[in-house]
Every structure is written in C-alpha cells, then in structure tokens.
N, C-alpha and C. Protein backbone atom coordinates (compact mmCIF):
# COMPACT_ATOMS: atom_id res chain seq x y z
N MET A 1 -10.59 26.33 270.52
CA MET A 1 -11.89 27.02 270.20
C MET A 1 -13.33 26.70 270.46
N ARG A 2 -13.09 25.27 270.14
CA ARG A 2 -14.72 25.03 270.50
C ARG A 2 -15.00 24.84 271.76
N ILE A 3 -14.01 24.19 272.31
CA ILE A 3 -14.64 24.03 273.81
C ILE A 3 -14.84 25.47 275.21
N LEU A 4 -13.95 26.72 274.36
CA LEU A 4 -14.08 27.82 274.80
C LEU A 4 -15.49 28.28 274.41
N LYS A 5 -15.98 28.55 273.17
CA LYS A 5 -17.56 28.67 273.10
C LYS A 5 -18.33 27.88 273.91
N GLN A 6 -17.93 26.72 273.90
CA GLN A 6 -19.11 25.64 275.22
C GLN A 6 -19.25 26.41 276.57
N SER A 7 -17.95 26.53 277.06
CA SER A 7 -17.24 27.01 278.42
C SER A 7 -18.22 28.48 278.38
N ALA A 8 -18.44 29.42 277.48
CA ALA A 8 -19.10 30.53 277.47
C ALA A 8 -20.32 30.10 277.91
N VAL A 9 -20.90 29.31 276.86
CA VAL A 9 -22.11 29.50 277.00
C VAL A 9 -23.09 28.83 278.28
N PHE A 10 -22.14 28.00 278.43
CA PHE A 10 -22.37 27.51 279.93
C PHE A 10 -22.41 28.78 280.70
N ALA A 11 -21.13 29.16 280.98
CA ALA A 11 -21.29 30.02 281.86
C ALA A 11 -22.20 30.95 281.99
N LEU A 12 -23.07 31.43 280.44
CA LEU A 12 -24.08 32.12 280.40
C LEU A 12 -25.70 31.85 280.94
N THR A 13 -25.56 30.11 280.50
CA THR A 13 -26.98 29.47 281.66
C THR A 13 -26.57 29.46 282.54
N VAL A 14 -25.59 29.66 283.39
CA VAL A 14 -25.77 29.34 284.98
C VAL A 14 -25.64 30.63 284.92
N VAL A 15 -25.62 31.87 285.05
CA VAL A 15 -25.77 33.19 285.09
C VAL A 15 -26.79 33.53 284.97
N ALA A 16 -27.62 33.11 284.03
CA ALA A 16 -29.10 33.83 283.51
C ALA A 16 -29.71 32.90 284.77
N SER A 17 -29.74 31.47 284.66
CA SER A 17 -30.28 30.57 285.95
C SER A 17 -30.25 31.53 286.91
N LEU A 18 -29.31 31.66 287.88
CA LEU A 18 -29.14 32.22 288.70
C LEU A 18 -29.91 33.44 288.97
N SER A 19 -29.46 34.31 287.85
CA SER A 19 -30.78 35.73 287.97
C SER A 19 -32.03 35.76 288.11
N SER A 20 -32.37 34.04 287.24
CA SER A 20 -33.81 33.86 287.43
C SER A 20 -34.52 33.54 288.56
N ALA A 21 -33.31 33.03 289.97
CA ALA A 21 -33.50 32.67 291.04
C ALA A 21 -33.72 33.55 291.65
N ALA A 22 -32.83 34.72 291.40
CA ALA A 22 -32.98 35.77 292.62
C ALA A 22 -33.89 36.67 292.07
N TRP A 23 -34.52 36.68 290.62
CA TRP A 23 -35.85 37.12 290.46
C TRP A 23 -37.04 36.26 291.16
N ALA A 24 -37.19 34.88 290.93
CA ALA A 24 -38.38 34.32 291.41
C ALA A 24 -38.79 34.76 292.99
N ASP A 25 -37.30 34.88 293.60
CA ASP A 25 -37.74 35.02 295.11
C ASP A 25 -38.18 36.34 295.71
N ASN A 26 -37.96 37.05 295.09
CA ASN A 26 -38.15 38.66 294.64
C ASN A 26 -39.57 38.79 294.87
N ALA A 27 -40.03 37.67 293.87
CA ALA A 27 -41.79 37.64 293.44
C ALA A 27 -42.58 37.07 294.13
N SER A 28 -42.11 36.72 295.23
CA SER A 28 -42.83 36.10 296.81
C SER A 28 -42.70 36.83 297.55
N PRO A 29 -43.37 37.30 298.69
CA PRO A 29 -43.45 37.55 299.94
C PRO A 29 -42.31 36.46 300.91
N VAL A 30 -42.43 35.73 300.93
CA VAL A 30 -41.10 34.43 301.33
C VAL A 30 -39.93 35.19 301.61
N GLY A 31 -39.34 35.56 303.08
CA GLY A 31 -38.48 35.73 303.25
C GLY A 31 -38.41 36.71 304.38
N LEU A 32 -36.94 37.02 304.28
CA LEU A 32 -37.14 37.98 305.85
C LEU A 32 -37.58 39.65 305.62
N TRP A 33 -37.91 40.21 306.19
CA TRP A 33 -38.52 41.92 306.48
C TRP A 33 -38.16 42.56 307.44
N ARG A 34 -38.10 44.41 306.99
CA ARG A 34 -37.74 44.66 308.08
C ARG A 34 -38.86 45.48 308.56
N ASN A 35 -39.54 45.65 309.86
CA ASN A 35 -40.58 46.56 309.86
C ASN A 35 -39.89 48.38 310.51
N VAL A 36 -40.60 49.20 310.35
CA VAL A 36 -40.09 50.38 310.72
C VAL A 36 -41.14 50.51 311.56
N ASP A 37 -40.72 52.01 312.80
CA ASP A 37 -41.96 52.03 313.81
C ASP A 37 -42.44 53.05 313.23
N ASP A 38 -43.50 53.24 313.44
CA ASP A 38 -44.41 54.49 312.77
C ASP A 38 -43.78 55.89 313.12
N VAL A 39 -43.46 56.13 314.53
CA VAL A 39 -43.29 57.47 314.68
C VAL A 39 -41.96 57.96 314.93
N SER A 40 -40.83 56.66 315.36
CA SER A 40 -39.65 57.05 315.34
C SER A 40 -38.83 56.55 314.00
N GLY A 41 -39.58 56.22 313.43
CA GLY A 41 -38.83 55.74 311.54
C GLY A 41 -37.59 54.61 311.84
N LYS A 42 -37.59 54.37 312.79
CA LYS A 42 -36.09 53.33 312.89
C LYS A 42 -36.42 52.06 312.86
N PRO A 43 -35.92 51.09 312.45
CA PRO A 43 -36.35 49.77 312.41
C PRO A 43 -36.81 49.02 313.69
N ARG A 44 -37.67 47.98 313.58
CA ARG A 44 -38.07 48.16 314.83
C ARG A 44 -38.32 46.05 314.59
N ALA A 45 -38.22 45.75 313.64
CA ALA A 45 -38.23 44.26 314.31
C ALA A 45 -38.19 43.83 312.60
N LEU A 46 -37.42 41.97 312.92
CA LEU A 46 -37.48 41.18 311.56
C LEU A 46 -38.30 40.45 311.52
N ILE A 47 -38.95 40.31 310.13
CA ILE A 47 -40.16 39.12 310.86
C ILE A 47 -40.04 38.14 309.22
N ARG A 48 -39.84 37.22 309.69
CA ARG A 48 -40.20 35.92 308.84
C ARG A 48 -41.06 35.39 307.91
N ILE A 49 -41.41 36.01 307.36
CA ILE A 49 -42.79 35.42 306.17
C ILE A 49 -42.12 33.97 305.48
N THR A 50 -42.72 33.00 306.10
CA THR A 50 -42.95 31.62 305.41
C THR A 50 -44.22 31.06 304.86
N GLU A 51 -44.08 30.28 303.88
CA GLU A 51 -45.20 29.53 303.19
C GLU A 51 -45.51 28.33 303.49
N SER A 52 -46.72 27.62 303.70
CA SER A 52 -46.86 26.77 303.80
C SER A 52 -48.20 26.28 303.38
N ASN A 53 -48.94 25.22 302.25
CA ASN A 53 -50.29 24.88 301.75
C ASN A 53 -50.46 25.89 301.01
N GLY A 54 -49.83 26.64 300.86
CA GLY A 54 -50.35 28.08 299.87
C GLY A 54 -50.64 28.87 300.96
N THR A 55 -50.89 28.95 301.87
CA THR A 55 -50.58 30.05 302.78
C THR A 55 -49.59 30.68 303.49
N LEU A 56 -49.79 32.25 303.64
CA LEU A 56 -48.74 32.34 304.52
C LEU A 56 -48.59 32.91 305.68
N GLN A 57 -47.27 32.94 306.49
CA GLN A 57 -47.43 33.54 307.75
C GLN A 57 -46.39 34.38 307.95
N GLY A 58 -46.42 34.96 309.20
CA GLY A 58 -44.88 36.03 309.41
C GLY A 58 -44.88 36.02 311.00
N LYS A 59 -43.26 35.56 311.33
CA LYS A 59 -42.99 35.51 312.99
C LYS A 59 -41.74 36.20 313.25
N ILE A 60 -41.91 36.76 314.16
CA ILE A 60 -40.77 38.28 314.67
C ILE A 60 -39.65 37.10 314.76
N GLU A 61 -38.75 37.41 314.41
CA GLU A 61 -37.40 36.73 314.54
C GLU A 61 -36.49 37.21 315.18
N LYS A 62 -36.99 38.40 315.32
CA LYS A 62 -35.54 39.90 316.00
C LYS A 62 -36.45 40.80 316.21
N VAL A 63 -36.32 41.78 317.70
CA VAL A 63 -36.72 42.63 318.03
C VAL A 63 -35.66 44.31 317.83
N PHE A 64 -35.33 45.20 317.84
CA PHE A 64 -34.48 46.20 317.41
C PHE A 64 -34.90 47.18 318.68
N LEU A 65 -34.38 46.95 320.28
CA LEU A 65 -34.65 46.98 321.60
C LEU A 65 -33.24 47.84 322.20
N ALA A 66 -33.54 48.24 323.24
CA ALA A 66 -32.45 48.76 324.31
C ALA A 66 -31.53 47.19 324.84
N PRO A 67 -30.74 47.13 324.87
CA PRO A 67 -30.17 46.19 325.75
C PRO A 67 -30.98 45.74 327.03
N ASN A 68 -30.98 44.49 327.25
CA ASN A 68 -32.00 43.66 328.39
C ASN A 68 -32.82 44.10 328.27
N GLU A 69 -33.89 44.20 327.43
CA GLU A 69 -34.96 44.64 327.15
C GLU A 69 -35.67 43.27 326.43
N ASN A 70 -36.51 42.74 326.73
CA ASN A 70 -36.98 41.33 326.68
C ASN A 70 -38.97 41.41 326.73
N PRO A 71 -39.38 42.39 325.65
CA PRO A 71 -40.60 42.77 324.97
C PRO A 71 -41.89 41.65 325.47
N THR A 72 -42.62 41.43 325.71
CA THR A 72 -43.85 40.46 325.65
C THR A 72 -45.51 41.16 325.25
N CYS A 73 -46.03 40.23 325.00
CA CYS A 73 -47.33 40.88 324.36
C CYS A 73 -48.24 41.06 326.04
N THR A 74 -48.25 42.32 326.83
CA THR A 74 -48.71 42.11 327.90
C THR A 74 -50.24 42.25 327.28
N LYS A 75 -50.75 43.09 326.25
CA LYS A 75 -51.95 43.56 326.21
C LYS A 75 -52.73 42.52 324.86
N CYS A 76 -51.74 41.46 324.73
CA CYS A 76 -52.64 40.29 323.70
C CYS A 76 -53.42 39.46 324.91
N GLU A 77 -54.51 38.75 324.63
CA GLU A 77 -55.34 38.09 325.07
C GLU A 77 -55.10 36.70 325.23
N GLY A 78 -55.58 35.46 325.83
CA GLY A 78 -55.97 34.00 325.75
C GLY A 78 -54.77 33.71 326.11
N ALA A 79 -53.88 32.52 325.12
CA ALA A 79 -52.95 31.91 324.94
C ALA A 79 -51.31 32.93 325.00
N LEU A 80 -51.70 33.96 323.84
CA LEU A 80 -50.67 35.01 324.03
C LEU A 80 -50.92 36.13 325.05
N LYS A 81 -51.15 35.93 325.58
CA LYS A 81 -51.03 37.05 327.07
C LYS A 81 -49.65 36.56 327.55
N ASN A 82 -48.94 37.93 327.59
CA ASN A 82 -47.25 37.93 327.90
C ASN A 82 -46.66 37.23 327.13
N ALA A 83 -46.57 36.42 326.12
CA ALA A 83 -46.07 35.84 325.02
C ALA A 83 -44.58 36.56 324.59
N PRO A 84 -43.41 36.26 324.64
CA PRO A 84 -42.61 37.23 324.49
C PRO A 84 -42.23 37.52 322.83
N VAL A 85 -42.35 38.06 322.86
CA VAL A 85 -43.07 38.82 321.04
C VAL A 85 -41.82 38.21 320.13
N ILE A 86 -40.75 38.30 320.52
CA ILE A 86 -39.40 37.50 319.44
C ILE A 86 -40.24 35.67 319.71
N GLY A 87 -40.54 35.31 318.04
CA GLY A 87 -41.17 34.38 318.12
C GLY A 87 -42.49 33.84 317.56
N LEU A 88 -43.17 34.95 318.29
CA LEU A 88 -44.59 35.96 318.00
C LEU A 88 -45.29 35.80 316.47
N VAL A 89 -45.87 34.90 316.34
CA VAL A 89 -46.67 34.94 314.68
C VAL A 89 -47.61 35.86 315.04
N ILE A 90 -47.55 37.12 313.79
CA ILE A 90 -48.09 38.32 313.68
C ILE A 90 -48.70 38.38 312.63
N LEU A 91 -48.29 37.51 311.18
CA LEU A 91 -49.37 37.67 310.28
C LEU A 91 -50.06 36.01 309.99
N SER A 92 -50.92 35.76 309.95
CA SER A 92 -51.13 34.35 309.25
C SER A 92 -52.33 34.75 308.38
N GLY A 93 -52.42 33.01 307.76
CA GLY A 93 -53.97 33.04 306.92
C GLY A 93 -53.81 33.96 305.48
N LEU A 94 -52.56 34.61 305.12
CA LEU A 94 -52.65 34.83 303.80
C LEU A 94 -52.79 34.09 302.42
N LYS A 95 -53.70 34.48 301.72
CA LYS A 95 -53.73 33.17 300.46
C LYS A 95 -53.67 34.43 299.32
N LYS A 96 -52.59 34.09 298.20
CA LYS A 96 -53.08 34.18 297.00
C LYS A 96 -54.21 34.66 296.62
N ASP A 97 -54.41 36.04 295.81
CA ASP A 97 -55.35 36.47 294.83
C ASP A 97 -55.16 37.65 294.11
N GLY A 98 -54.56 37.15 292.94
CA GLY A 98 -54.25 37.97 291.63
C GLY A 98 -53.07 38.33 292.60
N ALA A 99 -52.89 40.00 292.58
CA ALA A 99 -51.06 40.45 292.90
C ALA A 99 -51.16 40.83 294.59
N GLU A 100 -51.91 40.10 295.16
CA GLU A 100 -52.05 40.78 296.58
C GLU A 100 -52.34 39.22 297.19
N TYR A 101 -51.83 39.36 298.48
CA TYR A 101 -52.04 37.89 299.16
C TYR A 101 -53.32 38.79 300.34
N THR A 102 -54.06 38.04 300.71
CA THR A 102 -55.27 38.11 301.17
C THR A 102 -56.07 37.24 302.52
N GLY A 103 -57.41 38.13 303.04
CA GLY A 103 -57.51 36.90 303.56
C GLY A 103 -57.04 36.67 305.45
N GLY A 104 -56.23 37.11 305.76
CA GLY A 104 -55.81 37.09 306.94
C GLY A 104 -55.56 37.87 307.84
N ARG A 105 -55.04 37.75 309.01
CA ARG A 105 -55.01 38.26 309.91
C ARG A 105 -53.82 39.08 310.10
N ILE A 106 -53.70 39.96 311.14
CA ILE A 106 -52.69 40.49 311.79
C ILE A 106 -52.63 41.53 313.15
N LEU A 107 -51.82 40.31 314.05
CA LEU A 107 -51.47 41.41 315.25
C LEU A 107 -51.10 41.98 315.67
N ASP A 108 -51.23 43.58 316.52
CA ASP A 108 -50.30 44.31 316.74
C ASP A 108 -49.83 43.89 318.58
N PRO A 109 -48.60 43.22 318.33
CA PRO A 109 -48.11 43.01 319.72
C PRO A 109 -48.07 44.22 320.56
N ASP A 110 -47.88 45.79 320.57
CA ASP A 110 -47.91 46.99 321.22
C ASP A 110 -49.21 47.00 322.24
N SER A 111 -50.56 46.73 321.25
CA SER A 111 -52.07 46.90 321.61
C SER A 111 -52.56 45.62 321.69
N GLY A 112 -51.87 44.28 321.07
CA GLY A 112 -53.18 43.07 321.62
C GLY A 112 -53.72 42.87 320.69
N LYS A 113 -54.14 43.74 320.04
CA LYS A 113 -55.14 43.51 318.61
C LYS A 113 -55.22 42.93 317.72
N VAL A 114 -56.14 42.27 317.30
CA VAL A 114 -56.11 41.58 316.39
C VAL A 114 -56.41 42.31 315.18
N TYR A 115 -56.28 42.16 313.13
CA TYR A 115 -56.80 42.56 312.67
C TYR A 115 -57.18 41.97 310.91
N SER A 116 -57.64 42.22 310.24
CA SER A 116 -57.72 41.68 308.76
C SER A 116 -56.56 42.19 308.70
N SER A 117 -56.32 41.87 307.40
CA SER A 117 -54.34 42.32 306.80
C SER A 117 -54.69 41.40 305.23
N LYS A 118 -53.92 42.14 304.51
CA LYS A 118 -53.33 41.74 303.24
C LYS A 118 -52.17 42.90 303.08
N ILE A 119 -51.26 41.75 301.96
CA ILE A 119 -50.01 42.52 301.80
C ILE A 119 -50.05 42.13 300.12
N GLN A 120 -48.99 43.37 299.71
CA GLN A 120 -48.89 43.02 298.17
C GLN A 120 -47.37 44.01 298.33
N LEU A 121 -46.94 42.88 297.08
CA LEU A 121 -45.25 43.04 297.09
C LEU A 121 -44.82 44.51 296.16
N THR A 122 -44.36 45.32 296.55
CA THR A 122 -43.89 46.80 295.37
C THR A 122 -42.54 46.62 295.32
N LYS A 123 -41.53 47.40 294.25
CA LYS A 123 -40.77 47.53 294.09
C LYS A 123 -40.12 46.61 293.83
N GLY A 124 -40.33 45.98 292.91
CA GLY A 124 -39.69 44.78 292.20
C GLY A 124 -39.39 43.14 293.49
N GLY A 125 -40.48 43.17 294.20
CA GLY A 125 -40.36 42.61 295.13
C GLY A 125 -39.51 42.79 296.77
N ASN A 126 -38.99 44.40 296.52
CA ASN A 126 -38.00 44.66 297.73
C ASN A 126 -39.01 45.56 298.61
N LYS A 127 -39.82 45.98 298.24
CA LYS A 127 -41.09 46.37 299.60
C LYS A 127 -42.24 45.47 299.19
N LEU A 128 -42.93 45.43 300.60
CA LEU A 128 -43.81 44.69 300.93
C LEU A 128 -45.11 45.58 301.86
N ASN A 129 -46.34 46.05 301.21
CA ASN A 129 -46.94 46.84 301.30
C ASN A 129 -48.00 46.16 302.60
N VAL A 130 -48.06 46.55 303.69
CA VAL A 130 -48.81 45.56 304.84
C VAL A 130 -49.75 46.38 305.37
N ARG A 131 -51.54 45.74 305.17
CA ARG A 131 -52.43 46.63 305.09
C ARG A 131 -53.32 45.53 306.55
N GLY A 132 -53.43 46.68 307.50
CA GLY A 132 -54.43 45.92 308.81
C GLY A 132 -55.39 46.50 308.96
N TYR A 133 -56.59 46.18 308.82
CA TYR A 133 -57.80 46.45 308.95
C TYR A 133 -59.04 46.36 309.82
N ILE A 134 -59.77 47.09 309.42
CA ILE A 134 -61.08 46.60 310.60
C ILE A 134 -62.56 46.45 309.20
N GLY A 135 -63.05 45.52 309.15
CA GLY A 135 -64.35 45.05 308.51
C GLY A 135 -63.56 45.62 306.87
N VAL A 136 -63.78 46.70 306.07
CA VAL A 136 -63.08 47.40 304.88
C VAL A 136 -61.88 47.28 305.25
N SER A 137 -61.09 47.34 303.96
CA SER A 137 -59.59 47.61 303.79
C SER A 137 -59.45 49.11 303.65
N MET A 138 -60.47 50.00 303.38
CA MET A 138 -60.08 51.71 303.57
C MET A 138 -60.10 52.03 305.51
N LEU A 139 -60.52 50.77 306.01
CA LEU A 139 -60.69 51.61 307.30
C LEU A 139 -59.42 51.11 307.74
N GLY A 140 -58.10 51.67 307.45
CA GLY A 140 -56.98 50.63 308.91
C GLY A 140 -55.40 51.10 308.24
N ARG A 141 -54.65 50.80 308.49
CA ARG A 141 -53.36 51.20 307.94
C ARG A 141 -52.37 50.50 307.44
N SER A 142 -51.44 51.26 307.10
CA SER A 142 -50.79 50.14 305.98
C SER A 142 -49.15 50.41 306.55
N GLN A 143 -47.95 50.01 306.43
CA GLN A 143 -46.79 49.94 306.43
C GLN A 143 -46.12 49.40 305.61
N ILE A 144 -44.89 49.80 305.19
CA ILE A 144 -44.16 49.17 304.15
C ILE A 144 -43.13 48.50 304.87
N TRP A 145 -42.62 47.34 304.61
CA TRP A 145 -41.69 46.55 305.35
C TRP A 145 -40.62 46.30 303.99
N VAL A 146 -39.31 46.40 304.55
CA VAL A 146 -38.34 46.15 303.18
C VAL A 146 -37.73 45.22 303.51
N ARG A 147 -37.67 44.32 301.96
CA ARG A 147 -36.48 43.56 302.46
C ARG A 147 -35.34 43.26 302.67
N HIS A 148 -35.07 42.31 303.89
CA HIS A 148 -33.85 42.34 304.72
C HIS A 148 -32.85 41.28 303.89
N GLU A 149 -31.71 41.63 303.44
CA GLU A 149 -31.00 40.82 303.04
C GLU A 149 -29.79 39.85 304.07
C-alpha cells in the first residue's frame, strides 16, 4: 500500500512538472509560428522564433506555395536582394519589455521594406500579435500569428 501511495505521488509530480514545462513554453514566443495571408486568409509561412542573449529573431522555415515556386526577396535591398525567402530572417532585435517584446525590426519580403516591430503573446501563449510600424506604433499594421504544434 505504501509503495502504491509513493508511486501515485511520483506520477502526480511528473504530470505537474510536465504541465509546468508546457505552460512555460507558451509563456515565451520562442517556437514555430504560422502566419496567414492578409488577403486570402490562407496560411502563408512558418516562422521559427529563437532567442539568443535575451534577443529574439524569427526566420522563415517554410512557405505555403504552389508546386515549383521558389520565392526570392526580389524587392529587398543590399545583401538580401534576390535572397531565398526560406531561411530569411524577418524578425530581429526584439527584447522583453514588460508583457511585450519591443525594439525590433520586421522585414516584409513582398515589399522589401523594413519596419520597427513589437510582439506580444495572447490567448495563453498560443497567439502572437506581431506589429510592424513606421515611427510610432499607431502608424502600422498588425498580424496575428498562431503557434504551430
């Protein structure tokens, strides 16, 4: 009987720690995110957000295109001109600032333009409000990215 109680306590401890780990993962934007095309409403790309030394960056890992399409950043400037979209770093320089990550930059591969950016987790860490703007945050647009399992 005592062994059963110890086993039950151990099992509950394992379950609680796994639940805590899952919650902790959703408390950070680090992970794989799916963005959606503003016009069509269809999935557009998967972006992997990583953290290094307290700074976040996001890189395009996959795009949802027709067969044989291999997009490049034709409107980008400098070293990114005609760079493949897959592998392109589109988010950079974001640092935690309270509930948000601010001070970053976001690249729009369609226009080649770079904007100031900030992000914030919503819906228990399963959605990410991504804002790109010029000057002040009010002059911009937002997208909601969904955590990809």
